């Protein structure tokens, strides 16, 4: 449970990056997974763990 955001002077924001390696054995699966992570469908899970959409 998240009680609320930290005050701006102590808040630390982390941006997550993702990529598909040139040697990926399942490029389509990787693209689908990244697509899911960046979709509105994943927003509920992100909010549940205190994250917000960038």
PDB file of N, CA and C in Angstrom:
ATOM      1  N   UNK A   1       0.834  -1.152   0.000  1.00  0.00           N
ATOM      2  CA  UNK A   1       0.000   0.000   0.000  1.00  0.00           C
ATOM      3  C   UNK A   1       0.892   1.231   0.000  1.00  0.00           C
ATOM      4  N   UNK A   2       0.597   2.157  -0.849  1.00  0.00           N
ATOM      5  CA  UNK A   2       1.319   3.416  -0.923  1.00  0.00           C
ATOM      6  C   UNK A   2       0.480   4.475  -0.222  1.00  0.00           C
ATOM      7  N   UNK A   3       1.057   5.116   0.785  1.00  0.00           N
ATOM      8  CA  UNK A   3       0.327   6.126   1.540  1.00  0.00           C
ATOM      9  C   UNK A   3       0.234   7.436   0.770  1.00  0.00           C
ATOM     10  N   UNK A   4       1.200   7.689  -0.088  1.00  0.00           N
ATOM     11  CA  UNK A   4       1.195   8.919  -0.875  1.00  0.00           C
ATOM     12  C   UNK A   4       2.588   9.202  -1.389  1.00  0.00           C
ATOM     13  N   UNK A   5       2.708  10.182  -2.257  1.00  0.00           N
ATOM     14  CA  UNK A   5       4.026  10.509  -2.808  1.00  0.00           C
ATOM     15  C   UNK A   5       4.900  11.203  -1.766  1.00  0.00           C
ATOM     16  N   UNK A   6       6.186  11.084  -1.944  1.00  0.00           N
ATOM     17  CA  UNK A   6       7.129  11.785  -1.079  1.00  0.00           C
ATOM     18  C   UNK A   6       7.163  13.259  -1.461  1.00  0.00           C
ATOM     19  N   UNK A   7       7.563  14.110  -0.543  1.00  0.00           N
ATOM     20  CA  UNK A   7       7.721  15.517  -0.904  1.00  0.00           C
ATOM     21  C   UNK A   7       8.739  15.663  -2.046  1.00  0.00           C
ATOM     22  N   UNK A   8       8.542  16.650  -2.890  1.00  0.00           N
ATOM     23  CA  UNK A   8       9.378  16.823  -4.086  1.00  0.00           C
ATOM     24  C   UNK A   8      10.866  16.896  -3.769  1.00  0.00           C
ATOM     25  N   UNK A   9      11.246  17.478  -2.631  1.00  0.00           N
ATOM     26  CA  UNK A   9      12.674  17.626  -2.323  1.00  0.00           C
ATOM     27  C   UNK A   9      13.351  16.311  -1.943  1.00  0.00           C
ATOM     28  N   UNK A  10      12.596  15.264  -1.650  1.00  0.00           N
ATOM     29  CA  UNK A  10      13.194  13.960  -1.337  1.00  0.00           C
ATOM     30  C   UNK A  10      12.751  12.865  -2.308  1.00  0.00           C
ATOM     31  N   UNK A  11      11.866  13.191  -3.213  1.00  0.00           N
ATOM     32  CA  UNK A  11      11.366  12.222  -4.190  1.00  0.00           C
ATOM     33  C   UNK A  11      12.455  11.888  -5.202  1.00  0.00           C
ATOM     34  N   UNK A  12      12.595  10.635  -5.514  1.00  0.00           N
ATOM     35  CA  UNK A  12      13.541  10.172  -6.529  1.00  0.00           C
ATOM     36  C   UNK A  12      12.745   9.449  -7.597  1.00  0.00           C
ATOM     37  N   UNK A  13      12.876   9.887  -8.828  1.00  0.00           N
ATOM     38  CA  UNK A  13      12.141   9.292  -9.938  1.00  0.00           C
ATOM     39  C   UNK A  13      13.092   8.416 -10.744  1.00  0.00           C
ATOM     40  N   UNK A  14      12.660   7.215 -11.036  1.00  0.00           N
ATOM     41  CA  UNK A  14      13.441   6.289 -11.840  1.00  0.00           C
ATOM     42  C   UNK A  14      12.700   6.025 -13.134  1.00  0.00           C
ATOM     43  N   UNK A  15      13.372   6.236 -14.251  1.00  0.00           N
ATOM     44  CA  UNK A  15      12.806   5.903 -15.557  1.00  0.00           C
ATOM     45  C   UNK A  15      13.382   4.566 -15.987  1.00  0.00           C
ATOM     46  N   UNK A  16      12.525   3.680 -16.458  1.00  0.00           N
ATOM     47  CA  UNK A  16      12.960   2.363 -16.899  1.00  0.00           C
ATOM     48  C   UNK A  16      13.046   2.348 -18.423  1.00  0.00           C
ATOM     49  N   UNK A  17      14.078   1.720 -18.926  1.00  0.00           N
ATOM     50  CA  UNK A  17      14.272   1.592 -20.372  1.00  0.00           C
ATOM     51  C   UNK A  17      14.210   0.129 -20.759  1.00  0.00           C
ATOM     52  N   UNK A  18      13.884  -0.128 -22.002  1.00  0.00           N
ATOM     53  CA  UNK A  18      13.926  -1.502 -22.496  1.00  0.00           C
ATOM     54  C   UNK A  18      14.348  -1.477 -23.961  1.00  0.00           C
ATOM     55  N   UNK A  19      14.866  -2.594 -24.390  1.00  0.00           N
ATOM     56  CA  UNK A  19      15.339  -2.713 -25.767  1.00  0.00           C
ATOM     57  C   UNK A  19      15.301  -4.178 -26.168  1.00  0.00           C
ATOM     58  N   UNK A  20      15.424  -4.410 -27.437  1.00  0.00           N
ATOM     59  CA  UNK A  20      15.502  -5.771 -27.957  1.00  0.00           C
ATOM     60  C   UNK A  20      16.911  -5.969 -28.493  1.00  0.00           C
ATOM     61  N   UNK A  21      17.581  -6.968 -27.977  1.00  0.00           N
ATOM     62  CA  UNK A  21      18.953  -7.252 -28.410  1.00  0.00           C
ATOM     63  C   UNK A  21      18.961  -7.737 -29.860  1.00  0.00           C
ATOM     64  N   UNK A  22      20.023  -7.423 -30.552  1.00  0.00           N
ATOM     65  CA  UNK A  22      20.158  -7.842 -31.945  1.00  0.00           C
ATOM     66  C   UNK A  22      20.163  -9.363 -32.066  1.00  0.00           C
ATOM     67  N   UNK A  23      20.565 -10.053 -31.019  1.00  0.00           N
ATOM     68  CA  UNK A  23      20.643 -11.520 -31.058  1.00  0.00           C
ATOM     69  C   UNK A  23      19.478 -12.180 -30.321  1.00  0.00           C
ATOM     70  N   UNK A  24      18.403 -11.440 -30.086  1.00  0.00           N
ATOM     71  CA  UNK A  24      17.252 -11.990 -29.369  1.00  0.00           C
ATOM     72  C   UNK A  24      16.728 -13.233 -30.080  1.00  0.00           C
ATOM     73  N   UNK A  25      16.469 -14.283 -29.322  1.00  0.00           N
ATOM     74  CA  UNK A  25      15.969 -15.520 -29.929  1.00  0.00           C
ATOM     75  C   UNK A  25      14.465 -15.464 -30.176  1.00  0.00           C
ATOM     76  N   UNK A  26      13.786 -14.513 -29.545  1.00  0.00           N
ATOM     77  CA  UNK A  26      12.341 -14.382 -29.720  1.00  0.00           C
ATOM     78  C   UNK A  26      11.991 -12.893 -29.846  1.00  0.00           C
ATOM     79  N   UNK A  27      12.361 -12.319 -30.967  1.00  0.00           N
ATOM     80  CA  UNK A  27      12.147 -10.890 -31.175  1.00  0.00           C
ATOM     81  C   UNK A  27      10.670 -10.521 -31.087  1.00  0.00           C
ATOM     82  N   UNK A  28       9.818 -11.331 -31.660  1.00  0.00           N
ATOM     83  CA  UNK A  28       8.382 -11.043 -31.633  1.00  0.00           C
ATOM     84  C   UNK A  28       7.853 -11.049 -30.202  1.00  0.00           C
ATOM     85  N   UNK A  29       8.297 -11.995 -29.406  1.00  0.00           N
ATOM     86  CA  UNK A  29       7.881 -12.062 -28.014  1.00  0.00           C
ATOM     87  C   UNK A  29       8.376 -10.854 -27.225  1.00  0.00           C
ATOM     88  N   UNK A  30       9.621 -10.450 -27.495  1.00  0.00           N
ATOM     89  CA  UNK A  30      10.176  -9.276 -26.827  1.00  0.00           C
ATOM     90  C   UNK A  30       9.385  -8.027 -27.205  1.00  0.00           C
ATOM     91  N   UNK A  31       9.048  -7.879 -28.471  1.00  0.00           N
ATOM     92  CA  UNK A  31       8.257  -6.727 -28.916  1.00  0.00           C
ATOM     93  C   UNK A  31       6.869  -6.730 -28.259  1.00  0.00           C
ATOM     94  N   UNK A  32       6.275  -7.901 -28.159  1.00  0.00           N
ATOM     95  CA  UNK A  32       4.960  -8.006 -27.529  1.00  0.00           C
ATOM     96  C   UNK A  32       5.034  -7.631 -26.049  1.00  0.00           C
ATOM     97  N   UNK A  33       6.076  -8.088 -25.375  1.00  0.00           N
ATOM     98  CA  UNK A  33       6.240  -7.789 -23.954  1.00  0.00           C
ATOM     99  C   UNK A  33       6.448  -6.295 -23.736  1.00  0.00           C
ATOM    100  N   UNK A  34       7.301  -5.682 -24.529  1.00  0.00           N
ATOM    101  CA  UNK A  34       7.527  -4.240 -24.427  1.00  0.00           C
ATOM    102  C   UNK A  34       6.234  -3.494 -24.745  1.00  0.00           C
ATOM    103  N   UNK A  35       5.512  -3.977 -25.736  1.00  0.00           N
ATOM    104  CA  UNK A  35       4.229  -3.371 -26.062  1.00  0.00           C
ATOM    105  C   UNK A  35       3.272  -3.410 -24.892  1.00  0.00           C
ATOM    106  N   UNK A  36       3.247  -4.537 -24.197  1.00  0.00           N
ATOM    107  CA  UNK A  36       2.381  -4.651 -23.016  1.00  0.00           C
ATOM    108  C   UNK A  36       2.831  -3.690 -21.915  1.00  0.00           C
ATOM    109  N   UNK A  37       4.130  -3.661 -21.636  1.00  0.00           N
ATOM    110  CA  UNK A  37       4.635  -2.813 -20.559  1.00  0.00           C
ATOM    111  C   UNK A  37       4.322  -1.342 -20.787  1.00  0.00           C
ATOM    112  N   UNK A  38       4.234  -0.937 -22.033  1.00  0.00           N
ATOM    113  CA  UNK A  38       3.983   0.472 -22.351  1.00  0.00           C
ATOM    114  C   UNK A  38       2.512   0.750 -22.651  1.00  0.00           C
ATOM    115  N   UNK A  39       1.665  -0.244 -22.462  1.00  0.00           N
ATOM    116  CA  UNK A  39       0.241  -0.086 -22.772  1.00  0.00           C
ATOM    117  C   UNK A  39      -0.560   0.346 -21.550  1.00  0.00           C
ATOM    118  N   UNK A  40      -1.757   0.809 -21.814  1.00  0.00           N
ATOM    119  CA  UNK A  40      -2.673   1.166 -20.729  1.00  0.00           C
ATOM    120  C   UNK A  40      -3.056  -0.063 -19.914  1.00  0.00           C
ATOM    121  N   UNK A  41      -3.002  -1.251 -20.505  1.00  0.00           N
ATOM    122  CA  UNK A  41      -3.336  -2.486 -19.787  1.00  0.00           C
ATOM    123  C   UNK A  41      -2.419  -2.734 -18.592  1.00  0.00           C
ATOM    124  N   UNK A  42      -1.181  -2.269 -18.661  1.00  0.00           N
ATOM    125  CA  UNK A  42      -0.221  -2.483 -17.575  1.00  0.00           C
ATOM    126  C   UNK A  42      -0.311  -1.407 -16.499  1.00  0.00           C
ATOM    127  N   UNK A  43      -1.075  -0.356 -16.743  1.00  0.00           N
ATOM    128  CA  UNK A  43      -1.142   0.759 -15.797  1.00  0.00           C
ATOM    129  C   UNK A  43      -1.638   0.344 -14.417  1.00  0.00           C
ATOM    130  N   UNK A  44      -2.620  -0.519 -14.320  1.00  0.00           N
ATOM    131  CA  UNK A  44      -3.160  -0.931 -13.022  1.00  0.00           C
ATOM    132  C   UNK A  44      -2.078  -1.604 -12.174  1.00  0.00           C
ATOM    133  N   UNK A  45      -1.297  -2.478 -12.779  1.00  0.00           N
ATOM    134  CA  UNK A  45      -0.222  -3.148 -12.038  1.00  0.00           C
ATOM    135  C   UNK A  45       0.830  -2.139 -11.599  1.00  0.00           C
ATOM    136  N   UNK A  46       1.139  -1.192 -12.451  1.00  0.00           N
ATOM    137  CA  UNK A  46       2.120  -0.169 -12.082  1.00  0.00           C
ATOM    138  C   UNK A  46       1.620   0.659 -10.901  1.00  0.00           C
ATOM    139  N   UNK A  47       0.385   1.087 -10.956  1.00  0.00           N
ATOM    140  CA  UNK A  47      -0.183   1.888  -9.860  1.00  0.00           C
ATOM    141  C   UNK A  47      -0.246   1.089  -8.561  1.00  0.00           C
ATOM    142  N   UNK A  48      -0.536  -0.207  -8.666  1.00  0.00           N
ATOM    143  CA  UNK A  48      -0.638  -1.057  -7.481  1.00  0.00           C
ATOM    144  C   UNK A  48       0.701  -1.084  -6.721  1.00  0.00           C
ATOM    145  N   UNK A  49       1.794  -0.928  -7.424  1.00  0.00           N
ATOM    146  CA  UNK A  49       3.113  -0.952  -6.801  1.00  0.00           C
ATOM    147  C   UNK A  49       3.736   0.430  -6.700  1.00  0.00           C
ATOM    148  N   UNK A  50       2.901   1.480  -6.774  1.00  0.00           N
ATOM    149  CA  UNK A  50       3.361   2.826  -6.540  1.00  0.00           C
ATOM    150  C   UNK A  50       4.055   3.501  -7.716  1.00  0.00           C
ATOM    151  N   UNK A  51       3.899   2.924  -8.887  1.00  0.00           N
ATOM    152  CA  UNK A  51       4.538   3.506 -10.069  1.00  0.00           C
ATOM    153  C   UNK A  51       3.504   4.335 -10.824  1.00  0.00           C
ATOM    154  N   UNK A  52       3.973   5.195 -11.680  1.00  0.00           N
ATOM    155  CA  UNK A  52       3.064   5.934 -12.542  1.00  0.00           C
ATOM    156  C   UNK A  52       3.642   5.969 -13.946  1.00  0.00           C
ATOM    157  N   UNK A  53       2.773   6.152 -14.893  1.00  0.00           N
ATOM    158  CA  UNK A  53       3.163   6.173 -16.298  1.00  0.00           C
ATOM    159  C   UNK A  53       4.018   7.406 -16.581  1.00  0.00           C
ATOM    160  N   UNK A  54       5.075   7.218 -17.332  1.00  0.00           N
ATOM    161  CA  UNK A  54       5.963   8.335 -17.675  1.00  0.00           C
ATOM    162  C   UNK A  54       5.311   9.266 -18.667  1.00  0.00           C
TER     163      UNK A  54
END
